Amino acid sequence: MTIRTRRLRRLVGARTSRGAQPKVVALGGGMGLSASLAALRRITGDLTAVVTVADDGGSSGRLREELDVLPPGDLRKALAALCGDDDWGQTWARVIQHRFISEGELHGHAVGNLLIVALWEQLGDHVAALDLVGKLLGAHGRVLPMSAVPLELQAYVRGHDPARPDEVSTVAGQATVALTPGEVQSVHLVPHDPPAVPEAVEAVMDADWVVLGPGSWFSSVIPHLLVPDLLKALTETKARRVLSLNLAPQPGETDGFSPQRHLEVLARHAPKLAFDVVLADEAAVPDQSSLCDAAKRLGGTVELAPVAATDGAPKHDPELLAAAYDRIFRMHGRIGPWR
């Protein structure tokens, strides 16, 4: 156990003894949301993940096409991130993330994807099945899909065809949007007004803090703002809101984007949504003044903290990110008593 971990556990232990844990909802998908959850589970025992369901690639895409189900991959990743650091948690995290390697139809499928889909078919209830998987894993939090219907992500992209660099075309599918060589202008969902999962809306409305990001900006972060009931909840909740930025632009989706441009495109998709805090790694912000101006237009302030892994890879360190979130939660006040 590292010194940082011991400090965090002492802090959380003191908070728990006072019955003072914040209710936190984290929204996103893929590895970005996993990073946030791995940090947040260290500082609160009241954590809900709301996960995008527009993935159409890999194992998720195959299961979605064959069985007409929600893509389970990002839900599986969120559950794995919520597994504890003990032997039970880490064993199950490895099991559900395990992918079969074969010459047959199972090749590339993740165990967790098959488990989740099997329980959906057995129970006929997305939320109950995910709760049961979480119970099996000993997950430190709850995982919910943002919608109960499979969604298709579509994007308007300039220069998707390199031979026509100025042409704006419609690109369909999350996997295709994530890898486009062009410049994403905006994204939308099909159907255009998908229903939100009621439990996700309730969690946002009842939260003390809502965390959006980090993650693939157009395919994992912004899609939450395109579900009308979820956007309404995010806008009307009394919770404070944190926007957590990526450490580097993502090849394909956000090549050449500055930190402040991430805020600008998000605001174009949800102009009425405000944030209290924008969290970024100082080393990833070359122009702090411009980022502060962009955050101010969203109603918030910028918090700079060392949250990147120390090995130089563009990924978040869960302990450093946990420390940053904890500091934000303590320094920026709260709405009502933490329950």
Protein backbone atom coordinates (compact mmCIF):
# COMPACT_ATOMS: atom_id res chain seq x y z
CA MET A 1 0.00 0.00 0.00
CA THR A 2 1.43 3.38 -1.02
CA ILE A 3 1.65 6.43 1.22
CA ARG A 4 -0.94 8.16 -0.97
CA THR A 5 -3.35 5.26 -0.58
CA ARG A 6 -2.94 5.25 3.21
CA ARG A 7 -3.61 8.98 3.36
CA LEU A 8 -6.73 8.64 1.22
CA ARG A 9 -8.04 5.75 3.31
CA ARG A 10 -7.47 7.68 6.54
CA LEU A 11 -9.33 10.65 5.08
CA VAL A 12 -12.21 8.51 3.79
CA GLY A 13 -12.34 6.59 7.07
CA ALA A 14 -12.70 9.80 9.03
CA ARG A 15 -15.42 10.99 6.69
CA THR A 16 -17.29 7.69 6.85
CA SER A 17 -17.24 7.72 10.66
CA ARG A 18 -19.03 11.06 10.50
CA GLY A 19 -21.57 9.66 8.02
CA ALA A 20 -20.33 12.26 5.55
CA GLN A 21 -19.96 10.57 2.17
CA PRO A 22 -21.05 12.49 -0.92
CA LYS A 23 -23.49 10.96 -3.37
CA VAL A 24 -21.59 11.07 -6.65
CA VAL A 25 -22.76 10.29 -10.17
CA ALA A 26 -20.12 9.87 -12.89
CA LEU A 27 -21.07 9.92 -16.57
CA GLY A 28 -19.08 8.79 -19.59
CA GLY A 29 -17.88 5.63 -21.22
CA GLY A 30 -14.86 3.53 -22.04
CA MET A 31 -11.48 4.02 -20.39
CA GLY A 32 -12.15 7.62 -19.44
CA LEU A 33 -15.09 6.74 -17.23
CA SER A 34 -13.16 3.76 -15.85
CA ALA A 35 -10.38 6.12 -14.74
CA SER A 36 -12.88 8.38 -13.01
CA LEU A 37 -14.62 5.48 -11.27
CA ALA A 38 -11.35 3.93 -10.10
CA ALA A 39 -10.59 7.27 -8.43
CA LEU A 40 -14.05 8.05 -7.06
CA ARG A 41 -14.56 4.64 -5.41
CA ARG A 42 -11.56 5.50 -3.23
CA ILE A 43 -13.30 8.51 -1.68
CA THR A 44 -17.00 7.66 -1.52
CA GLY A 45 -19.13 4.60 -0.95
CA ASP A 46 -22.15 6.18 -2.65
CA LEU A 47 -21.24 6.10 -6.33
CA THR A 48 -23.29 5.60 -9.49
CA ALA A 49 -21.94 5.32 -13.03
CA VAL A 50 -24.15 6.32 -15.96
CA VAL A 51 -22.73 4.79 -19.11
CA THR A 52 -23.17 5.54 -22.80
CA VAL A 53 -24.71 2.77 -24.94
CA ALA A 54 -23.79 3.72 -28.50
CA ASP A 55 -20.81 1.40 -28.99
CA ASP A 56 -20.98 -0.64 -32.19
CA GLY A 57 -17.48 -2.08 -32.47
CA GLY A 58 -15.73 -5.27 -31.36
CA SER A 59 -17.44 -7.77 -29.10
CA SER A 60 -20.16 -5.27 -28.15
CA GLY A 61 -21.00 -4.57 -31.76
CA ARG A 62 -21.23 -8.26 -32.61
CA LEU A 63 -23.52 -9.01 -29.66
CA ARG A 64 -25.62 -5.95 -30.43
CA GLU A 65 -26.09 -7.00 -34.05
CA GLU A 66 -26.70 -10.69 -33.36
CA LEU A 67 -28.94 -10.43 -30.29
CA ASP A 68 -30.40 -6.90 -30.60
CA VAL A 69 -29.20 -5.91 -27.13
CA LEU A 70 -27.53 -2.88 -25.60
CA PRO A 71 -23.77 -2.89 -26.22
CA PRO A 72 -22.37 -4.26 -22.93
CA GLY A 73 -18.69 -3.32 -23.30
CA ASP A 74 -18.61 0.09 -21.61
CA LEU A 75 -20.90 -1.19 -18.87
CA ARG A 76 -18.46 -4.08 -18.29
CA LYS A 77 -15.50 -1.69 -18.10
CA ALA A 78 -17.32 0.44 -15.53
CA LEU A 79 -18.08 -2.61 -13.38
CA ALA A 80 -14.43 -3.70 -13.56
CA ALA A 81 -13.30 -0.23 -12.48
CA LEU A 82 -15.57 -0.44 -9.44
CA CYS A 83 -14.05 -3.73 -8.27
CA GLY A 84 -12.13 -3.50 -5.02
CA ASP A 85 -8.39 -3.79 -4.55
CA ASP A 86 -8.68 -7.03 -2.57
CA ASP A 87 -8.14 -10.49 -4.10
CA TRP A 88 -11.85 -11.01 -4.74
CA GLY A 89 -12.27 -7.71 -6.54
CA GLN A 90 -9.15 -7.94 -8.64
CA THR A 91 -9.81 -11.57 -9.58
CA TRP A 92 -13.29 -10.76 -10.81
CA ALA A 93 -12.07 -7.63 -12.59
CA ARG A 94 -9.61 -9.78 -14.56
CA VAL A 95 -12.26 -12.43 -15.25
CA ILE A 96 -14.88 -10.09 -16.71
CA GLN A 97 -12.23 -8.28 -18.76
CA HIS A 98 -10.80 -11.57 -20.11
CA ARG A 99 -11.16 -12.00 -23.88
CA PHE A 100 -11.21 -15.37 -25.56
CA ILE A 101 -8.57 -16.09 -28.19
CA SER A 102 -9.61 -18.76 -30.64
CA GLU A 103 -10.18 -19.61 -34.28
CA GLY A 104 -13.95 -19.73 -33.75
CA GLU A 105 -16.93 -17.50 -33.02
CA LEU A 106 -15.86 -16.78 -29.43
CA HIS A 107 -12.69 -15.01 -30.55
CA GLY A 108 -12.54 -11.48 -29.16
CA HIS A 109 -15.57 -11.79 -26.92
CA ALA A 110 -15.11 -10.58 -23.34
CA VAL A 111 -16.40 -12.81 -20.54
CA GLY A 112 -18.14 -9.89 -18.88
CA ASN A 113 -20.03 -9.02 -22.06
CA LEU A 114 -21.43 -12.55 -22.26
CA LEU A 115 -22.32 -12.57 -18.56
CA ILE A 116 -24.17 -9.25 -18.77
CA VAL A 117 -26.12 -10.23 -21.89
CA ALA A 118 -27.00 -13.63 -20.40
CA LEU A 119 -28.47 -11.94 -17.32
CA TRP A 120 -30.39 -9.47 -19.49
CA GLU A 121 -31.98 -12.42 -21.26
CA GLN A 122 -32.65 -14.27 -18.00
CA LEU A 123 -34.10 -11.33 -16.06
CA GLY A 124 -35.51 -9.16 -18.84
CA ASP A 125 -34.39 -6.08 -16.90
CA HIS A 126 -31.24 -4.10 -17.74
CA VAL A 127 -30.89 -2.45 -14.35
CA ALA A 128 -31.62 -5.55 -12.24
CA ALA A 129 -29.11 -7.57 -14.25
CA LEU A 130 -26.34 -4.99 -13.85
CA ASP A 131 -27.08 -4.73 -10.13
CA LEU A 132 -26.72 -8.50 -9.86
CA VAL A 133 -23.38 -8.48 -11.69
CA GLY A 134 -22.21 -5.70 -9.38
CA LYS A 135 -23.23 -7.76 -6.35
CA LEU A 136 -21.28 -10.77 -7.68
CA LEU A 137 -18.17 -8.66 -8.22
CA GLY A 138 -18.46 -6.79 -4.93
CA ALA A 139 -18.50 -3.57 -6.95
CA HIS A 140 -18.05 -0.34 -4.99
CA GLY A 141 -20.91 1.41 -6.72
CA ARG A 142 -23.77 0.99 -9.16
CA VAL A 143 -23.64 0.91 -12.98
CA LEU A 144 -26.56 2.10 -15.12
CA PRO A 145 -26.99 2.54 -18.87
CA MET A 146 -27.96 6.06 -19.90
CA SER A 147 -30.75 4.66 -22.10
CA ALA A 148 -32.49 1.29 -22.34
CA VAL A 149 -32.45 1.26 -26.16
CA PRO A 150 -29.39 0.74 -28.38
CA LEU A 151 -28.29 4.05 -29.87
CA GLU A 152 -26.47 4.93 -33.06
CA LEU A 153 -24.01 7.79 -32.92
CA GLN A 154 -23.85 9.96 -36.03
CA ALA A 155 -21.50 12.85 -36.67
CA TYR A 156 -21.13 15.66 -39.14
CA VAL A 157 -17.50 15.47 -40.17
CA ARG A 158 -15.49 17.81 -42.36
CA GLY A 159 -12.94 15.97 -44.50
CA HIS A 160 -13.93 12.41 -43.58
CA ASP A 161 -12.92 11.60 -47.14
CA PRO A 162 -9.32 12.90 -47.43
CA ALA A 163 -9.89 13.42 -51.14
CA ARG A 164 -12.58 16.02 -50.28
CA PRO A 165 -11.11 17.93 -47.32
CA ASP A 166 -13.78 20.68 -47.30
CA GLU A 167 -16.81 18.43 -47.65
CA VAL A 168 -19.02 17.88 -44.60
CA SER A 169 -20.55 14.41 -44.55
CA THR A 170 -22.56 12.29 -42.13
CA VAL A 171 -20.56 9.50 -40.50
CA ALA A 172 -22.50 6.75 -38.73
CA GLY A 173 -21.34 4.50 -35.89
CA GLN A 174 -19.29 5.19 -32.77
CA ALA A 175 -16.35 3.09 -33.94
CA THR A 176 -16.20 4.99 -37.25
CA VAL A 177 -16.60 8.40 -35.63
CA ALA A 178 -13.81 7.63 -33.15
CA LEU A 179 -11.36 6.91 -35.96
CA THR A 180 -12.36 9.49 -38.56
CA PRO A 181 -9.43 11.29 -40.22
CA GLY A 182 -11.64 14.36 -40.58
CA GLU A 183 -12.76 17.05 -38.14
CA VAL A 184 -15.91 16.29 -36.16
CA GLN A 185 -18.26 19.27 -36.24
CA SER A 186 -21.10 17.89 -34.12
CA VAL A 187 -22.75 14.62 -33.10
CA HIS A 188 -26.31 13.41 -32.66
CA LEU A 189 -28.07 10.20 -31.71
CA VAL A 190 -30.47 7.95 -33.59
CA PRO A 191 -33.20 7.87 -32.37
CA HIS A 192 -32.97 11.60 -31.77
CA ASP A 193 -34.94 11.62 -28.51
CA PRO A 194 -34.04 8.36 -26.77
CA PRO A 195 -35.60 7.62 -23.38
CA ALA A 196 -33.33 7.87 -20.37
CA VAL A 197 -33.19 5.06 -17.84
CA PRO A 198 -35.33 6.38 -14.94
CA GLU A 199 -32.82 5.23 -12.32
CA ALA A 200 -30.12 7.29 -14.05
CA VAL A 201 -32.28 10.41 -13.96
CA GLU A 202 -33.10 9.80 -10.29
CA ALA A 203 -29.43 9.35 -9.43
CA VAL A 204 -28.50 12.66 -11.07
CA MET A 205 -31.32 14.53 -9.36
CA ASP A 206 -30.40 13.07 -5.95
CA ALA A 207 -26.63 13.56 -6.25
CA ASP A 208 -24.38 15.90 -4.33
CA TRP A 209 -21.82 15.91 -7.14
CA VAL A 210 -22.01 15.02 -10.83
CA VAL A 211 -18.79 14.28 -12.73
CA LEU A 212 -18.73 14.33 -16.55
CA GLY A 213 -15.61 13.08 -18.33
CA PRO A 214 -12.86 12.34 -18.98
CA GLY A 215 -13.26 10.21 -22.10
CA SER A 216 -13.71 10.25 -25.85
CA TRP A 217 -15.31 13.66 -26.17
CA PHE A 218 -17.72 13.12 -29.06
CA SER A 219 -18.46 9.42 -28.59
CA SER A 220 -18.47 8.97 -24.79
CA VAL A 221 -18.94 12.35 -23.08
CA ILE A 222 -21.26 14.47 -25.24
CA PRO A 223 -23.78 11.65 -25.99
CA HIS A 224 -25.11 11.97 -22.41
CA LEU A 225 -26.19 15.50 -23.28
CA LEU A 226 -28.20 14.23 -26.26
CA VAL A 227 -30.66 12.22 -24.13
CA PRO A 228 -33.38 14.82 -23.37
CA ASP A 229 -34.47 13.61 -19.92
CA LEU A 230 -30.87 13.12 -18.82
CA LEU A 231 -29.86 16.58 -20.01
CA LYS A 232 -32.88 18.04 -18.21
CA ALA A 233 -31.78 16.30 -15.01
CA LEU A 234 -28.18 17.49 -15.42
CA THR A 235 -29.42 21.05 -15.92
CA GLU A 236 -31.94 21.07 -13.06
CA THR A 237 -30.15 19.03 -10.38
CA LYS A 238 -29.03 20.83 -7.24
CA ALA A 239 -25.79 18.84 -7.37
CA ARG A 240 -22.56 20.60 -8.15
CA ARG A 241 -21.01 19.63 -11.48
CA VAL A 242 -17.42 18.80 -12.37
CA LEU A 243 -16.15 18.57 -15.94
CA SER A 244 -13.00 16.43 -16.00
CA LEU A 245 -10.77 17.02 -19.03
CA ASN A 246 -8.62 14.58 -20.95
CA LEU A 247 -4.85 14.59 -20.71
CA ALA A 248 -4.33 14.79 -24.47
CA PRO A 249 -6.36 15.14 -27.67
CA GLN A 250 -7.69 11.85 -28.99
CA PRO A 251 -6.45 10.80 -32.44
CA GLY A 252 -9.41 10.89 -34.80
CA GLU A 253 -12.00 12.62 -32.63
CA THR A 254 -10.21 15.65 -31.23
CA ASP A 255 -6.89 15.97 -33.07
CA GLY A 256 -5.52 19.47 -32.52
CA PHE A 257 -8.11 20.41 -29.88
CA SER A 258 -6.98 22.70 -27.08
CA PRO A 259 -8.48 22.14 -23.61
CA GLN A 260 -10.71 25.19 -24.06
CA ARG A 261 -12.00 23.93 -27.39
CA HIS A 262 -13.32 20.82 -25.63
CA LEU A 263 -15.45 23.15 -23.49
CA GLU A 264 -16.61 25.12 -26.51
CA VAL A 265 -17.89 22.11 -28.45
CA LEU A 266 -19.60 20.76 -25.35
CA ALA A 267 -21.35 24.10 -24.86
CA ARG A 268 -22.57 24.03 -28.47
CA HIS A 269 -24.31 20.72 -27.80
CA ALA A 270 -25.79 21.79 -24.43
CA PRO A 271 -25.78 25.61 -24.22
CA LYS A 272 -27.83 25.75 -21.00
CA LEU A 273 -25.66 23.33 -19.01
CA ALA A 274 -23.36 24.94 -16.44
CA PHE A 275 -20.41 23.52 -14.51
CA ASP A 276 -19.01 24.56 -11.16
CA VAL A 277 -15.50 23.18 -11.69
CA VAL A 278 -13.37 22.21 -14.67
CA LEU A 279 -10.60 19.81 -13.63
CA ALA A 280 -7.44 19.59 -15.72
CA ASP A 281 -3.84 18.49 -15.39
CA GLU A 282 -1.58 21.54 -15.35
CA ALA A 283 0.89 19.93 -17.74
CA ALA A 284 -1.90 19.45 -20.30
CA VAL A 285 -2.94 23.13 -20.30
CA PRO A 286 -0.56 25.33 -22.31
CA ASP A 287 -2.84 28.38 -22.13
CA GLN A 288 -4.37 28.61 -18.66
CA SER A 289 -5.92 32.02 -19.25
CA SER A 290 -7.95 30.82 -22.26
CA LEU A 291 -9.14 27.75 -20.37
CA CYS A 292 -10.21 29.91 -17.42
CA ASP A 293 -12.17 32.15 -19.79
CA ALA A 294 -13.90 29.15 -21.36
CA ALA A 295 -14.73 27.71 -17.93
CA LYS A 296 -16.13 31.07 -16.81
CA ARG A 297 -18.50 31.04 -19.78
CA LEU A 298 -19.79 27.70 -18.46
CA GLY A 299 -20.26 29.24 -15.02
CA GLY A 300 -17.26 27.57 -13.39
CA THR A 301 -13.67 27.85 -12.33
CA VAL A 302 -10.61 25.82 -13.26
CA GLU A 303 -8.87 23.48 -10.85
CA LEU A 304 -5.40 22.38 -11.95
CA ALA A 305 -3.95 19.28 -10.32
CA PRO A 306 -1.33 16.62 -11.14
CA VAL A 307 -3.59 13.73 -12.16
CA ALA A 308 -1.54 12.03 -14.89
CA ALA A 309 0.30 8.75 -14.46
CA THR A 310 3.93 9.31 -13.57
CA ASP A 311 5.19 6.96 -16.30
CA GLY A 312 4.48 9.58 -18.97
CA ALA A 313 1.57 7.73 -20.56
CA PRO A 314 -1.53 9.87 -21.27
CA LYS A 315 -3.64 8.16 -18.64
CA HIS A 316 -4.92 9.18 -15.23
CA ASP A 317 -3.38 7.92 -12.01
CA PRO A 318 -6.33 6.75 -9.87
CA GLU A 319 -4.82 7.90 -6.58
CA LEU A 320 -3.85 11.32 -7.87
CA LEU A 321 -7.25 11.74 -9.52
CA ALA A 322 -8.94 10.64 -6.28
CA ALA A 323 -6.99 13.26 -4.35
CA ALA A 324 -8.02 15.94 -6.86
CA TYR A 325 -11.71 15.00 -6.69
CA ASP A 326 -11.60 14.87 -2.89
CA ARG A 327 -10.05 18.33 -2.72
CA ILE A 328 -12.72 19.71 -5.07
CA PHE A 329 -15.54 18.15 -3.07
CA ARG A 330 -14.19 19.62 0.16
CA MET A 331 -13.18 23.06 -1.11
CA HIS A 332 -16.19 23.86 -3.26
CA GLY A 333 -18.85 23.18 -0.69
CA ARG A 334 -21.89 20.98 -1.03
CA ILE A 335 -25.62 21.14 -1.37
CA GLY A 336 -27.15 19.92 1.88
CA PRO A 337 -25.62 17.30 4.18
CA TRP A 338 -23.76 14.41 2.64
CA ARG A 339 -25.70 11.26 3.26
